[in-house]
Amino acid sequence: MNPEKRDFDAAAAAWDEHPGRVKVAMDIARAITREVALTSDLEVMDFGCGTGLVALALQPHVRSVTGVDSSRGMLDVLAAKIARLGLDNVQTLYCDLARGDVLTGRYDLVVSAMTLHHVPEIAPLFAQFAWVTAPGGRLCIADLDPDDGQFHDDDTGVFHCGFERDALRDVFVAAGFEDVRVTDAAEVVKQGRDGAMRRFSVFLMTGMKPAVG
C-alpha cells in the first residue's frame, strides 16, 4: 500500500468515463435505498462524494444532500452537474481531514462509498461521523471486502486492502452505532494487479445512532 496522497484533482474530469466505476456507484446507491427508508425530510451527507454519482442518485428521494470531499477538482465536477441540472437541494463542501478540518453540521443520514480504504485511521473518522449524525440517524458505509491488494491498479493513497466485515462492525459499535447490519452491495469483475481476471465484492454496512431519551 502506498501512503502518498492520490491526485484526485487530476482524475476528476475523466472520472465518470469509467463505466465500471459508475455501475458500482449506482449499485451502492440502490443498496442504500433498499436498506434505508429515504424520505423527503432527510438531510444527507455524502462523505468522499467524488463527482457526486451516489449523491445525485439519492437526491430525488431526500430533502438535501451535502457532498463532502477533499478534492476541489471532484467538487468542481459535482458543482457543474448541480448547475446543469438546476438542483437546489445539493451542495458541495470542501473538507480535508488530513489538514485538520473537521466535519460539521447535523445529518439524518451519512453515507460514504468506496472512500474508507483511502483513510489512514478510521476510528477518528467514525467519531466524527457519530458527531454529525442526528439522534436516530443512520450511517452507511460501502467498501471492499478484503482484496489481497489486487483491486487498485495504482495503490497511491490506499491504506486498506478492503475490510473484514466483523472488524468493521466493531468500529461501528465502538463509535456508538447500534443495529449494525451488512449486505452485499456490488460486484466488480476486472483484471487484478497480477493480470488475472478477478471478482471483487463490495458490501454496505449500516448502523443507527441511538435516539435521545
N, C-alpha and C. Protein backbone atom coordinates (compact mmCIF):
# COMPACT_ATOMS: atom_id res chain seq x y z
N MET A 1 0.85 -1.20 0.00
CA MET A 1 0.00 0.00 0.00
C MET A 1 0.88 1.24 0.00
N ASN A 2 0.48 2.21 -0.77
CA ASN A 2 1.25 3.44 -0.93
C ASN A 2 0.58 4.57 -0.16
N PRO A 3 1.25 5.09 0.89
CA PRO A 3 0.61 6.10 1.72
C PRO A 3 0.54 7.49 1.10
N GLU A 4 1.19 7.71 -0.05
CA GLU A 4 1.12 9.02 -0.66
C GLU A 4 -0.31 9.35 -1.07
N LYS A 5 -0.62 10.65 -1.11
CA LYS A 5 -1.97 11.07 -1.46
C LYS A 5 -2.16 11.00 -2.97
N ARG A 6 -3.25 10.40 -3.40
CA ARG A 6 -3.55 10.32 -4.82
C ARG A 6 -4.06 11.67 -5.31
N ASP A 7 -3.72 12.01 -6.55
CA ASP A 7 -4.14 13.29 -7.12
C ASP A 7 -5.53 13.13 -7.74
N PHE A 8 -6.55 13.19 -6.89
CA PHE A 8 -7.91 13.07 -7.38
C PHE A 8 -8.32 14.29 -8.20
N ASP A 9 -7.68 15.43 -7.96
CA ASP A 9 -8.00 16.61 -8.76
C ASP A 9 -7.73 16.34 -10.24
N ALA A 10 -6.59 15.70 -10.51
CA ALA A 10 -6.21 15.43 -11.90
C ALA A 10 -7.13 14.38 -12.53
N ALA A 11 -7.67 13.47 -11.70
CA ALA A 11 -8.52 12.39 -12.22
C ALA A 11 -9.97 12.81 -12.38
N ALA A 12 -10.35 13.94 -11.81
CA ALA A 12 -11.76 14.30 -11.69
C ALA A 12 -12.47 14.43 -13.04
N ALA A 13 -11.83 15.12 -13.99
CA ALA A 13 -12.51 15.43 -15.25
C ALA A 13 -12.97 14.18 -16.00
N ALA A 14 -12.18 13.11 -15.92
CA ALA A 14 -12.50 11.89 -16.66
C ALA A 14 -13.07 10.80 -15.75
N TRP A 15 -13.37 11.12 -14.52
CA TRP A 15 -13.78 10.11 -13.53
C TRP A 15 -15.00 9.32 -13.99
N ASP A 16 -16.00 10.01 -14.50
CA ASP A 16 -17.26 9.36 -14.86
C ASP A 16 -17.20 8.62 -16.19
N GLU A 17 -16.06 8.67 -16.88
CA GLU A 17 -15.94 7.99 -18.16
C GLU A 17 -15.66 6.49 -18.00
N HIS A 18 -15.48 6.05 -16.77
CA HIS A 18 -15.20 4.65 -16.48
C HIS A 18 -16.53 3.95 -16.17
N PRO A 19 -17.06 3.13 -17.10
CA PRO A 19 -18.39 2.52 -16.90
C PRO A 19 -18.48 1.68 -15.64
N GLY A 20 -17.42 0.95 -15.32
CA GLY A 20 -17.44 0.11 -14.14
C GLY A 20 -17.56 0.91 -12.86
N ARG A 21 -16.90 2.05 -12.84
CA ARG A 21 -16.96 2.93 -11.67
C ARG A 21 -18.37 3.48 -11.48
N VAL A 22 -19.00 3.87 -12.57
CA VAL A 22 -20.37 4.39 -12.49
C VAL A 22 -21.32 3.29 -12.04
N LYS A 23 -21.14 2.08 -12.56
CA LYS A 23 -22.02 0.97 -12.19
C LYS A 23 -21.92 0.67 -10.70
N VAL A 24 -20.72 0.64 -10.16
CA VAL A 24 -20.56 0.37 -8.73
C VAL A 24 -21.28 1.44 -7.91
N ALA A 25 -21.14 2.69 -8.29
CA ALA A 25 -21.82 3.77 -7.57
C ALA A 25 -23.32 3.60 -7.61
N MET A 26 -23.86 3.24 -8.77
CA MET A 26 -25.31 3.04 -8.88
C MET A 26 -25.76 1.83 -8.07
N ASP A 27 -24.96 0.77 -8.07
CA ASP A 27 -25.30 -0.41 -7.28
C ASP A 27 -25.31 -0.06 -5.79
N ILE A 28 -24.34 0.73 -5.36
CA ILE A 28 -24.29 1.14 -3.95
C ILE A 28 -25.49 2.00 -3.61
N ALA A 29 -25.83 2.94 -4.49
CA ALA A 29 -26.99 3.79 -4.24
C ALA A 29 -28.26 2.96 -4.13
N ARG A 30 -28.40 1.95 -4.98
CA ARG A 30 -29.57 1.08 -4.90
C ARG A 30 -29.58 0.29 -3.59
N ALA A 31 -28.41 -0.15 -3.15
CA ALA A 31 -28.33 -0.88 -1.89
C ALA A 31 -28.75 0.02 -0.72
N ILE A 32 -28.33 1.28 -0.76
CA ILE A 32 -28.72 2.23 0.28
C ILE A 32 -30.23 2.40 0.31
N THR A 33 -30.83 2.53 -0.86
CA THR A 33 -32.28 2.73 -0.91
C THR A 33 -33.04 1.49 -0.44
N ARG A 34 -32.43 0.32 -0.57
CA ARG A 34 -33.06 -0.90 -0.06
C ARG A 34 -32.97 -0.98 1.46
N GLU A 35 -31.85 -0.52 2.01
CA GLU A 35 -31.58 -0.71 3.43
C GLU A 35 -32.08 0.44 4.31
N VAL A 36 -32.26 1.61 3.72
CA VAL A 36 -32.65 2.80 4.49
C VAL A 36 -33.92 3.39 3.88
N ALA A 37 -34.85 3.74 4.73
CA ALA A 37 -36.08 4.38 4.25
C ALA A 37 -35.78 5.83 3.93
N LEU A 38 -35.68 6.16 2.66
CA LEU A 38 -35.39 7.53 2.24
C LEU A 38 -36.69 8.31 2.17
N THR A 39 -36.72 9.44 2.86
CA THR A 39 -37.92 10.26 2.89
C THR A 39 -37.57 11.71 2.60
N SER A 40 -38.59 12.48 2.26
CA SER A 40 -38.38 13.85 1.79
C SER A 40 -37.94 14.81 2.88
N ASP A 41 -37.82 14.35 4.13
CA ASP A 41 -37.38 15.23 5.20
C ASP A 41 -35.94 14.97 5.62
N LEU A 42 -35.23 14.09 4.93
CA LEU A 42 -33.88 13.71 5.34
C LEU A 42 -32.82 14.67 4.82
N GLU A 43 -31.92 15.06 5.73
CA GLU A 43 -30.71 15.80 5.37
C GLU A 43 -29.58 14.78 5.29
N VAL A 44 -28.87 14.75 4.16
CA VAL A 44 -27.90 13.69 3.89
C VAL A 44 -26.52 14.29 3.66
N MET A 45 -25.50 13.63 4.20
CA MET A 45 -24.11 13.94 3.87
C MET A 45 -23.52 12.76 3.11
N ASP A 46 -22.85 13.03 1.99
CA ASP A 46 -22.09 12.02 1.26
C ASP A 46 -20.62 12.36 1.44
N PHE A 47 -19.94 11.60 2.30
CA PHE A 47 -18.53 11.86 2.60
C PHE A 47 -17.65 11.15 1.58
N GLY A 48 -16.72 11.92 0.98
CA GLY A 48 -15.91 11.37 -0.10
C GLY A 48 -16.75 11.21 -1.34
N CYS A 49 -17.52 12.24 -1.63
CA CYS A 49 -18.56 12.16 -2.67
C CYS A 49 -18.02 12.08 -4.08
N GLY A 50 -16.76 12.48 -4.29
CA GLY A 50 -16.22 12.47 -5.64
C GLY A 50 -17.02 13.36 -6.57
N THR A 51 -17.40 12.83 -7.71
CA THR A 51 -18.17 13.62 -8.69
C THR A 51 -19.67 13.57 -8.43
N GLY A 52 -20.05 12.98 -7.30
CA GLY A 52 -21.45 13.02 -6.89
C GLY A 52 -22.33 11.93 -7.46
N LEU A 53 -21.75 10.83 -7.90
CA LEU A 53 -22.56 9.76 -8.50
C LEU A 53 -23.60 9.23 -7.52
N VAL A 54 -23.19 8.92 -6.30
CA VAL A 54 -24.12 8.42 -5.30
C VAL A 54 -25.03 9.54 -4.80
N ALA A 55 -24.44 10.69 -4.54
CA ALA A 55 -25.22 11.83 -4.02
C ALA A 55 -26.38 12.17 -4.95
N LEU A 56 -26.12 12.22 -6.24
CA LEU A 56 -27.17 12.60 -7.18
C LEU A 56 -28.21 11.50 -7.37
N ALA A 57 -27.81 10.25 -7.11
CA ALA A 57 -28.78 9.16 -7.16
C ALA A 57 -29.73 9.22 -5.98
N LEU A 58 -29.25 9.69 -4.83
CA LEU A 58 -30.08 9.80 -3.63
C LEU A 58 -30.92 11.08 -3.63
N GLN A 59 -30.46 12.09 -4.30
CA GLN A 59 -31.05 13.44 -4.24
C GLN A 59 -32.57 13.49 -4.48
N PRO A 60 -33.13 12.75 -5.44
CA PRO A 60 -34.58 12.88 -5.67
C PRO A 60 -35.44 12.39 -4.51
N HIS A 61 -34.84 11.63 -3.60
CA HIS A 61 -35.62 10.97 -2.55
C HIS A 61 -35.54 11.66 -1.19
N VAL A 62 -34.71 12.69 -1.06
CA VAL A 62 -34.45 13.30 0.24
C VAL A 62 -34.59 14.82 0.17
N ARG A 63 -34.50 15.47 1.32
CA ARG A 63 -34.62 16.93 1.34
C ARG A 63 -33.37 17.60 0.75
N SER A 64 -32.20 17.14 1.21
CA SER A 64 -30.98 17.76 0.72
C SER A 64 -29.82 16.79 0.83
N VAL A 65 -28.80 17.04 0.00
CA VAL A 65 -27.56 16.26 0.05
C VAL A 65 -26.39 17.23 0.04
N THR A 66 -25.48 17.03 0.99
CA THR A 66 -24.23 17.79 1.02
C THR A 66 -23.10 16.85 0.62
N GLY A 67 -22.45 17.14 -0.50
CA GLY A 67 -21.33 16.34 -0.96
C GLY A 67 -20.03 16.87 -0.39
N VAL A 68 -19.35 16.05 0.39
CA VAL A 68 -18.13 16.46 1.08
C VAL A 68 -16.94 15.72 0.47
N ASP A 69 -15.88 16.46 0.17
CA ASP A 69 -14.69 15.82 -0.39
C ASP A 69 -13.47 16.69 -0.11
N SER A 70 -12.29 16.05 -0.17
CA SER A 70 -11.03 16.77 0.00
C SER A 70 -10.40 17.12 -1.34
N SER A 71 -11.08 16.79 -2.44
CA SER A 71 -10.59 17.11 -3.77
C SER A 71 -11.44 18.24 -4.36
N ARG A 72 -10.82 19.38 -4.56
CA ARG A 72 -11.55 20.50 -5.16
C ARG A 72 -11.93 20.19 -6.61
N GLY A 73 -11.09 19.40 -7.28
CA GLY A 73 -11.41 19.02 -8.66
C GLY A 73 -12.68 18.20 -8.73
N MET A 74 -12.82 17.23 -7.83
CA MET A 74 -14.04 16.42 -7.79
C MET A 74 -15.25 17.30 -7.48
N LEU A 75 -15.11 18.19 -6.51
CA LEU A 75 -16.22 19.06 -6.14
C LEU A 75 -16.60 20.00 -7.27
N ASP A 76 -15.61 20.43 -8.06
CA ASP A 76 -15.92 21.29 -9.21
C ASP A 76 -16.77 20.55 -10.24
N VAL A 77 -16.46 19.27 -10.46
CA VAL A 77 -17.26 18.47 -11.40
C VAL A 77 -18.68 18.33 -10.86
N LEU A 78 -18.81 18.05 -9.56
CA LEU A 78 -20.15 17.93 -8.97
C LEU A 78 -20.90 19.25 -9.05
N ALA A 79 -20.21 20.36 -8.77
CA ALA A 79 -20.87 21.67 -8.84
C ALA A 79 -21.38 21.96 -10.24
N ALA A 80 -20.62 21.55 -11.25
CA ALA A 80 -21.06 21.76 -12.63
C ALA A 80 -22.31 20.94 -12.93
N LYS A 81 -22.37 19.73 -12.39
CA LYS A 81 -23.57 18.90 -12.57
C LYS A 81 -24.78 19.55 -11.89
N ILE A 82 -24.57 20.05 -10.69
CA ILE A 82 -25.66 20.70 -9.95
C ILE A 82 -26.22 21.87 -10.75
N ALA A 83 -25.30 22.67 -11.30
CA ALA A 83 -25.73 23.83 -12.09
C ALA A 83 -26.45 23.39 -13.36
N ARG A 84 -25.92 22.39 -14.04
CA ARG A 84 -26.52 21.93 -15.29
C ARG A 84 -27.91 21.36 -15.06
N LEU A 85 -28.10 20.67 -13.94
CA LEU A 85 -29.39 20.05 -13.63
C LEU A 85 -30.34 21.00 -12.92
N GLY A 86 -29.84 22.16 -12.52
CA GLY A 86 -30.68 23.14 -11.84
C GLY A 86 -31.17 22.67 -10.48
N LEU A 87 -30.31 21.96 -9.76
CA LEU A 87 -30.70 21.41 -8.46
C LEU A 87 -30.51 22.45 -7.36
N ASP A 88 -31.49 22.56 -6.48
CA ASP A 88 -31.36 23.49 -5.36
C ASP A 88 -31.27 22.78 -4.02
N ASN A 89 -31.18 21.45 -4.05
CA ASN A 89 -31.09 20.73 -2.79
C ASN A 89 -29.79 19.91 -2.68
N VAL A 90 -28.80 20.25 -3.49
CA VAL A 90 -27.49 19.60 -3.41
C VAL A 90 -26.43 20.70 -3.32
N GLN A 91 -25.52 20.53 -2.37
CA GLN A 91 -24.43 21.49 -2.23
C GLN A 91 -23.11 20.75 -2.01
N THR A 92 -22.01 21.45 -2.27
CA THR A 92 -20.69 20.86 -2.07
C THR A 92 -20.02 21.51 -0.87
N LEU A 93 -19.14 20.73 -0.24
CA LEU A 93 -18.41 21.24 0.92
C LEU A 93 -17.00 20.65 0.90
N TYR A 94 -16.01 21.53 0.87
CA TYR A 94 -14.62 21.08 0.90
C TYR A 94 -14.22 20.80 2.34
N CYS A 95 -13.63 19.63 2.56
CA CYS A 95 -13.17 19.26 3.90
C CYS A 95 -12.01 18.29 3.76
N ASP A 96 -10.85 18.67 4.27
CA ASP A 96 -9.66 17.82 4.20
C ASP A 96 -9.25 17.46 5.62
N LEU A 97 -9.64 16.27 6.05
CA LEU A 97 -9.34 15.85 7.42
C LEU A 97 -7.84 15.75 7.66
N ALA A 98 -7.07 15.45 6.60
CA ALA A 98 -5.63 15.32 6.75
C ALA A 98 -4.98 16.65 7.12
N ARG A 99 -5.67 17.74 6.81
CA ARG A 99 -5.14 19.07 7.16
C ARG A 99 -5.77 19.64 8.42
N GLY A 100 -6.52 18.82 9.12
CA GLY A 100 -7.10 19.24 10.37
C GLY A 100 -8.52 19.74 10.30
N ASP A 101 -9.14 19.70 9.10
CA ASP A 101 -10.55 20.08 9.01
C ASP A 101 -11.40 19.07 9.77
N VAL A 102 -12.56 19.49 10.20
CA VAL A 102 -13.48 18.59 10.89
C VAL A 102 -14.86 18.67 10.24
N LEU A 103 -15.59 17.59 10.35
CA LEU A 103 -16.95 17.57 9.82
C LEU A 103 -17.86 18.40 10.71
N THR A 104 -18.77 19.11 10.08
CA THR A 104 -19.70 19.95 10.82
C THR A 104 -21.12 19.72 10.30
N GLY A 105 -22.09 20.22 11.04
CA GLY A 105 -23.48 20.09 10.64
C GLY A 105 -24.14 18.93 11.36
N ARG A 106 -25.38 18.67 11.01
CA ARG A 106 -26.15 17.58 11.61
C ARG A 106 -26.99 16.94 10.51
N TYR A 107 -26.86 15.64 10.34
CA TYR A 107 -27.47 14.94 9.21
C TYR A 107 -28.25 13.72 9.69
N ASP A 108 -29.35 13.45 9.01
CA ASP A 108 -30.16 12.28 9.32
C ASP A 108 -29.56 11.02 8.71
N LEU A 109 -28.77 11.19 7.68
CA LEU A 109 -28.13 10.06 7.01
C LEU A 109 -26.75 10.49 6.53
N VAL A 110 -25.75 9.71 6.91
CA VAL A 110 -24.38 9.93 6.44
C VAL A 110 -23.98 8.71 5.63
N VAL A 111 -23.55 8.93 4.40
CA VAL A 111 -23.13 7.83 3.54
C VAL A 111 -21.70 8.07 3.08
N SER A 112 -21.02 6.98 2.80
CA SER A 112 -19.67 7.07 2.25
C SER A 112 -19.43 5.83 1.41
N ALA A 113 -19.09 6.03 0.15
CA ALA A 113 -18.95 4.92 -0.80
C ALA A 113 -17.54 4.84 -1.35
N MET A 114 -16.87 3.74 -1.10
CA MET A 114 -15.55 3.45 -1.66
C MET A 114 -14.53 4.53 -1.28
N THR A 115 -14.69 5.06 -0.08
CA THR A 115 -13.78 6.10 0.41
C THR A 115 -12.97 5.64 1.60
N LEU A 116 -13.53 4.75 2.41
CA LEU A 116 -12.92 4.40 3.68
C LEU A 116 -11.51 3.84 3.51
N HIS A 117 -11.26 3.09 2.42
CA HIS A 117 -9.93 2.50 2.25
C HIS A 117 -8.86 3.54 1.94
N HIS A 118 -9.28 4.78 1.70
CA HIS A 118 -8.32 5.87 1.49
C HIS A 118 -8.04 6.65 2.78
N VAL A 119 -8.62 6.22 3.90
CA VAL A 119 -8.46 6.92 5.18
C VAL A 119 -7.49 6.14 6.06
N PRO A 120 -6.37 6.76 6.46
CA PRO A 120 -5.37 6.01 7.23
C PRO A 120 -5.91 5.42 8.53
N GLU A 121 -6.51 6.25 9.37
CA GLU A 121 -7.04 5.82 10.66
C GLU A 121 -8.55 6.02 10.65
N ILE A 122 -9.30 4.92 10.69
CA ILE A 122 -10.74 5.06 10.50
C ILE A 122 -11.49 5.35 11.80
N ALA A 123 -10.95 4.97 12.95
CA ALA A 123 -11.67 5.20 14.21
C ALA A 123 -11.94 6.68 14.46
N PRO A 124 -10.97 7.58 14.27
CA PRO A 124 -11.27 9.01 14.45
C PRO A 124 -12.33 9.52 13.47
N LEU A 125 -12.34 8.98 12.26
CA LEU A 125 -13.36 9.39 11.29
C LEU A 125 -14.74 8.95 11.77
N PHE A 126 -14.84 7.75 12.30
CA PHE A 126 -16.14 7.28 12.81
C PHE A 126 -16.61 8.12 13.98
N ALA A 127 -15.68 8.61 14.79
CA ALA A 127 -16.07 9.51 15.87
C ALA A 127 -16.69 10.78 15.30
N GLN A 128 -16.13 11.27 14.20
CA GLN A 128 -16.71 12.45 13.55
C GLN A 128 -18.05 12.12 12.90
N PHE A 129 -18.16 10.95 12.30
CA PHE A 129 -19.46 10.53 11.76
C PHE A 129 -20.52 10.53 12.86
N ALA A 130 -20.16 9.99 14.01
CA ALA A 130 -21.11 9.93 15.13
C ALA A 130 -21.50 11.34 15.57
N TRP A 131 -20.57 12.27 15.52
CA TRP A 131 -20.84 13.64 15.94
C TRP A 131 -21.85 14.33 15.04
N VAL A 132 -21.74 14.11 13.72
CA VAL A 132 -22.61 14.83 12.78
C VAL A 132 -23.89 14.07 12.46
N THR A 133 -24.00 12.83 12.92
CA THR A 133 -25.24 12.08 12.69
C THR A 133 -26.26 12.44 13.77
N ALA A 134 -27.45 12.80 13.34
CA ALA A 134 -28.50 13.18 14.29
C ALA A 134 -28.96 11.95 15.07
N PRO A 135 -29.42 12.15 16.31
CA PRO A 135 -30.00 11.03 17.06
C PRO A 135 -31.10 10.35 16.24
N GLY A 136 -31.02 9.03 16.16
CA GLY A 136 -31.95 8.28 15.34
C GLY A 136 -31.55 8.20 13.88
N GLY A 137 -30.47 8.89 13.51
CA GLY A 137 -29.99 8.87 12.13
C GLY A 137 -29.14 7.64 11.84
N ARG A 138 -28.79 7.48 10.58
CA ARG A 138 -28.07 6.28 10.17
C ARG A 138 -26.78 6.62 9.44
N LEU A 139 -25.81 5.72 9.59
CA LEU A 139 -24.54 5.77 8.88
C LEU A 139 -24.48 4.59 7.93
N CYS A 140 -24.11 4.86 6.66
CA CYS A 140 -23.99 3.82 5.64
C CYS A 140 -22.59 3.88 5.04
N ILE A 141 -21.86 2.79 5.16
CA ILE A 141 -20.51 2.71 4.61
C ILE A 141 -20.46 1.58 3.59
N ALA A 142 -20.05 1.89 2.38
CA ALA A 142 -19.84 0.88 1.34
C ALA A 142 -18.36 0.81 1.01
N ASP A 143 -17.82 -0.38 1.05
CA ASP A 143 -16.40 -0.54 0.70
C ASP A 143 -16.11 -1.98 0.33
N LEU A 144 -14.86 -2.24 0.03
CA LEU A 144 -14.43 -3.53 -0.46
C LEU A 144 -14.27 -4.56 0.65
N ASP A 145 -14.67 -5.79 0.36
CA ASP A 145 -14.20 -6.90 1.17
C ASP A 145 -12.70 -7.05 0.93
N PRO A 146 -11.98 -7.76 1.81
CA PRO A 146 -10.52 -7.91 1.62
C PRO A 146 -10.19 -8.33 0.20
N ASP A 147 -9.26 -7.60 -0.42
CA ASP A 147 -8.99 -7.80 -1.85
C ASP A 147 -7.56 -8.24 -2.15
N ASP A 148 -6.78 -8.53 -1.09
CA ASP A 148 -5.41 -9.01 -1.27
C ASP A 148 -4.56 -8.02 -2.06
N GLY A 149 -4.95 -6.74 -2.02
CA GLY A 149 -4.18 -5.73 -2.71
C GLY A 149 -4.28 -5.75 -4.21
N GLN A 150 -5.28 -6.45 -4.75
CA GLN A 150 -5.39 -6.65 -6.19
C GLN A 150 -6.33 -5.66 -6.87
N PHE A 151 -7.17 -4.96 -6.12
CA PHE A 151 -8.24 -4.16 -6.74
C PHE A 151 -7.70 -2.94 -7.47
N HIS A 152 -6.77 -2.23 -6.85
CA HIS A 152 -6.30 -0.96 -7.41
C HIS A 152 -5.09 -1.18 -8.31
N ASP A 153 -5.18 -0.65 -9.52
CA ASP A 153 -4.02 -0.67 -10.41
C ASP A 153 -2.91 0.21 -9.85
N ASP A 154 -3.30 1.31 -9.25
CA ASP A 154 -2.37 2.24 -8.63
C ASP A 154 -2.80 2.38 -7.17
N ASP A 155 -1.93 1.94 -6.25
CA ASP A 155 -2.34 1.93 -4.85
C ASP A 155 -1.92 3.21 -4.12
N THR A 156 -1.62 4.26 -4.86
CA THR A 156 -1.33 5.54 -4.23
C THR A 156 -2.53 5.99 -3.39
N GLY A 157 -2.29 6.27 -2.14
CA GLY A 157 -3.36 6.73 -1.28
C GLY A 157 -4.29 5.64 -0.79
N VAL A 158 -3.92 4.38 -0.98
CA VAL A 158 -4.73 3.26 -0.49
C VAL A 158 -4.10 2.75 0.80
N PHE A 159 -4.85 2.81 1.88
CA PHE A 159 -4.33 2.44 3.19
C PHE A 159 -4.88 1.11 3.70
N HIS A 160 -5.92 0.59 3.05
CA HIS A 160 -6.52 -0.67 3.48
C HIS A 160 -6.88 -1.49 2.25
N CYS A 161 -6.50 -2.75 2.25
CA CYS A 161 -6.86 -3.65 1.15
C CYS A 161 -8.20 -4.29 1.46
N GLY A 162 -9.23 -3.47 1.53
CA GLY A 162 -10.55 -3.93 1.91
C GLY A 162 -10.67 -4.06 3.42
N PHE A 163 -11.86 -4.50 3.87
CA PHE A 163 -12.15 -4.59 5.31
C PHE A 163 -12.85 -5.90 5.63
N GLU A 164 -12.44 -6.52 6.71
CA GLU A 164 -13.19 -7.64 7.27
C GLU A 164 -14.48 -7.09 7.86
N ARG A 165 -15.59 -7.71 7.51
CA ARG A 165 -16.88 -7.17 7.93
C ARG A 165 -17.04 -7.17 9.45
N ASP A 166 -16.63 -8.23 10.11
CA ASP A 166 -16.79 -8.29 11.57
C ASP A 166 -15.94 -7.22 12.25
N ALA A 167 -14.74 -6.98 11.74
CA ALA A 167 -13.87 -5.97 12.32
C ALA A 167 -14.47 -4.58 12.14
N LEU A 168 -15.04 -4.32 10.97
CA LEU A 168 -15.63 -3.01 10.75
C LEU A 168 -16.90 -2.84 11.60
N ARG A 169 -17.63 -3.91 11.79
CA ARG A 169 -18.80 -3.84 12.68
C ARG A 169 -18.38 -3.37 14.07
N ASP A 170 -17.23 -3.87 14.54
CA ASP A 170 -16.73 -3.46 15.85
C ASP A 170 -16.43 -1.96 15.89
N VAL A 171 -15.97 -1.41 14.77
CA VAL A 171 -15.70 0.03 14.70
C VAL A 171 -17.00 0.82 14.79
N PHE A 172 -18.03 0.35 14.10
CA PHE A 172 -19.35 0.97 14.20
C PHE A 172 -19.81 1.01 15.66
N VAL A 173 -19.72 -0.14 16.32
CA VAL A 173 -20.21 -0.25 17.70
C VAL A 173 -19.39 0.63 18.63
N ALA A 174 -18.06 0.64 18.46
CA ALA A 174 -17.21 1.46 19.31
C ALA A 174 -17.52 2.94 19.17
N ALA A 175 -18.00 3.35 17.99
CA ALA A 175 -18.35 4.74 17.75
C ALA A 175 -19.75 5.08 18.27
N GLY A 176 -20.48 4.07 18.77
CA GLY A 176 -21.78 4.32 19.37
C GLY A 176 -22.97 3.98 18.49
N PHE A 177 -22.73 3.34 17.35
CA PHE A 177 -23.84 2.98 16.47
C PHE A 177 -24.42 1.63 16.86
N GLU A 178 -25.73 1.52 16.73
CA GLU A 178 -26.45 0.31 17.07
C GLU A 178 -27.12 -0.28 15.82
N ASP A 179 -27.75 -1.44 16.00
CA ASP A 179 -28.49 -2.08 14.91
C ASP A 179 -27.62 -2.14 13.65
N VAL A 180 -26.39 -2.60 13.83
CA VAL A 180 -25.44 -2.64 12.71
C VAL A 180 -25.77 -3.83 11.81
N ARG A 181 -25.94 -3.55 10.54
CA ARG A 181 -26.31 -4.57 9.56
C ARG A 181 -25.37 -4.49 8.37
N VAL A 182 -25.24 -5.60 7.67
CA VAL A 182 -24.38 -5.61 6.48
C VAL A 182 -25.05 -6.42 5.39
N THR A 183 -24.86 -5.98 4.15
CA THR A 183 -25.42 -6.69 3.00
C THR A 183 -24.46 -6.53 1.83
N ASP A 184 -24.56 -7.42 0.86
CA ASP A 184 -23.77 -7.29 -0.37
C ASP A 184 -24.34 -6.12 -1.17
N ALA A 185 -23.45 -5.30 -1.72
CA ALA A 185 -23.90 -4.11 -2.46
C ALA A 185 -23.55 -4.15 -3.94
N ALA A 186 -22.38 -4.68 -4.27
CA ALA A 186 -21.95 -4.65 -5.67
C ALA A 186 -20.85 -5.68 -5.89
N GLU A 187 -20.64 -5.98 -7.15
CA GLU A 187 -19.54 -6.87 -7.53
C GLU A 187 -18.83 -6.25 -8.73
N VAL A 188 -17.53 -6.32 -8.70
CA VAL A 188 -16.72 -5.79 -9.79
C VAL A 188 -15.89 -6.92 -10.38
N VAL A 189 -16.01 -7.11 -11.68
CA VAL A 189 -15.18 -8.11 -12.37
C VAL A 189 -14.15 -7.33 -13.18
N LYS A 190 -12.89 -7.48 -12.82
CA LYS A 190 -11.84 -6.74 -13.51
C LYS A 190 -10.51 -7.47 -13.35
N GLN A 191 -9.56 -7.01 -14.11
CA GLN A 191 -8.22 -7.58 -14.02
C GLN A 191 -7.54 -7.07 -12.75
N GLY A 192 -7.01 -7.98 -11.99
CA GLY A 192 -6.26 -7.59 -10.80
C GLY A 192 -4.88 -7.10 -11.16
N ARG A 193 -4.15 -6.65 -10.15
CA ARG A 193 -2.79 -6.15 -10.40
C ARG A 193 -1.88 -7.25 -10.92
N ASP A 194 -2.24 -8.51 -10.65
CA ASP A 194 -1.43 -9.63 -11.12
C ASP A 194 -1.77 -10.05 -12.55
N GLY A 195 -2.74 -9.36 -13.17
CA GLY A 195 -3.10 -9.66 -14.54
C GLY A 195 -4.23 -10.65 -14.69
N ALA A 196 -4.63 -11.32 -13.61
CA ALA A 196 -5.70 -12.30 -13.67
C ALA A 196 -7.05 -11.62 -13.50
N MET A 197 -8.08 -12.16 -14.19
CA MET A 197 -9.43 -11.64 -14.00
C MET A 197 -9.95 -12.09 -12.64
N ARG A 198 -10.51 -11.15 -11.90
CA ARG A 198 -10.96 -11.43 -10.54
C ARG A 198 -12.32 -10.81 -10.30
N ARG A 199 -13.00 -11.34 -9.29
CA ARG A 199 -14.25 -10.77 -8.82
C ARG A 199 -14.01 -10.11 -7.47
N PHE A 200 -14.37 -8.85 -7.37
CA PHE A 200 -14.23 -8.11 -6.13
C PHE A 200 -15.62 -7.75 -5.61
N SER A 201 -15.84 -8.00 -4.33
CA SER A 201 -17.16 -7.73 -3.75
C SER A 201 -17.13 -6.48 -2.89
N VAL A 202 -18.24 -5.76 -2.95
CA VAL A 202 -18.42 -4.53 -2.18
C VAL A 202 -19.62 -4.73 -1.25
N PHE A 203 -19.44 -4.42 0.02
CA PHE A 203 -20.53 -4.56 0.98
C PHE A 203 -21.07 -3.19 1.39
N LEU A 204 -22.26 -3.18 1.95
CA LEU A 204 -22.82 -1.99 2.57
C LEU A 204 -23.12 -2.31 4.01
N MET A 205 -22.53 -1.52 4.91
CA MET A 205 -22.77 -1.69 6.35
C MET A 205 -23.51 -0.45 6.85
N THR A 206 -24.55 -0.67 7.63
CA THR A 206 -25.35 0.43 8.16
C THR A 206 -25.45 0.31 9.66
N GLY A 207 -25.56 1.45 10.32
CA GLY A 207 -25.77 1.48 11.76
C GLY A 207 -26.59 2.70 12.13
N MET A 208 -27.25 2.64 13.27
CA MET A 208 -28.11 3.73 13.73
C MET A 208 -27.52 4.38 14.98
N LYS A 209 -27.55 5.70 15.01
CA LYS A 209 -27.18 6.42 16.22
C LYS A 209 -28.39 6.41 17.14
N PRO A 210 -28.21 6.00 18.40
CA PRO A 210 -29.35 5.92 19.30
C PRO A 210 -30.10 7.25 19.40
N ALA A 211 -31.41 7.16 19.46
CA ALA A 211 -32.23 8.35 19.66
C ALA A 211 -32.10 8.81 21.10
N VAL A 212 -32.24 10.10 21.32
CA VAL A 212 -32.17 10.67 22.67
C VAL A 212 -33.43 10.32 23.42
N GLY A 213 -33.29 9.92 24.70
CA GLY A 213 -34.44 9.68 25.55
C GLY A 213 -34.96 8.29 25.46
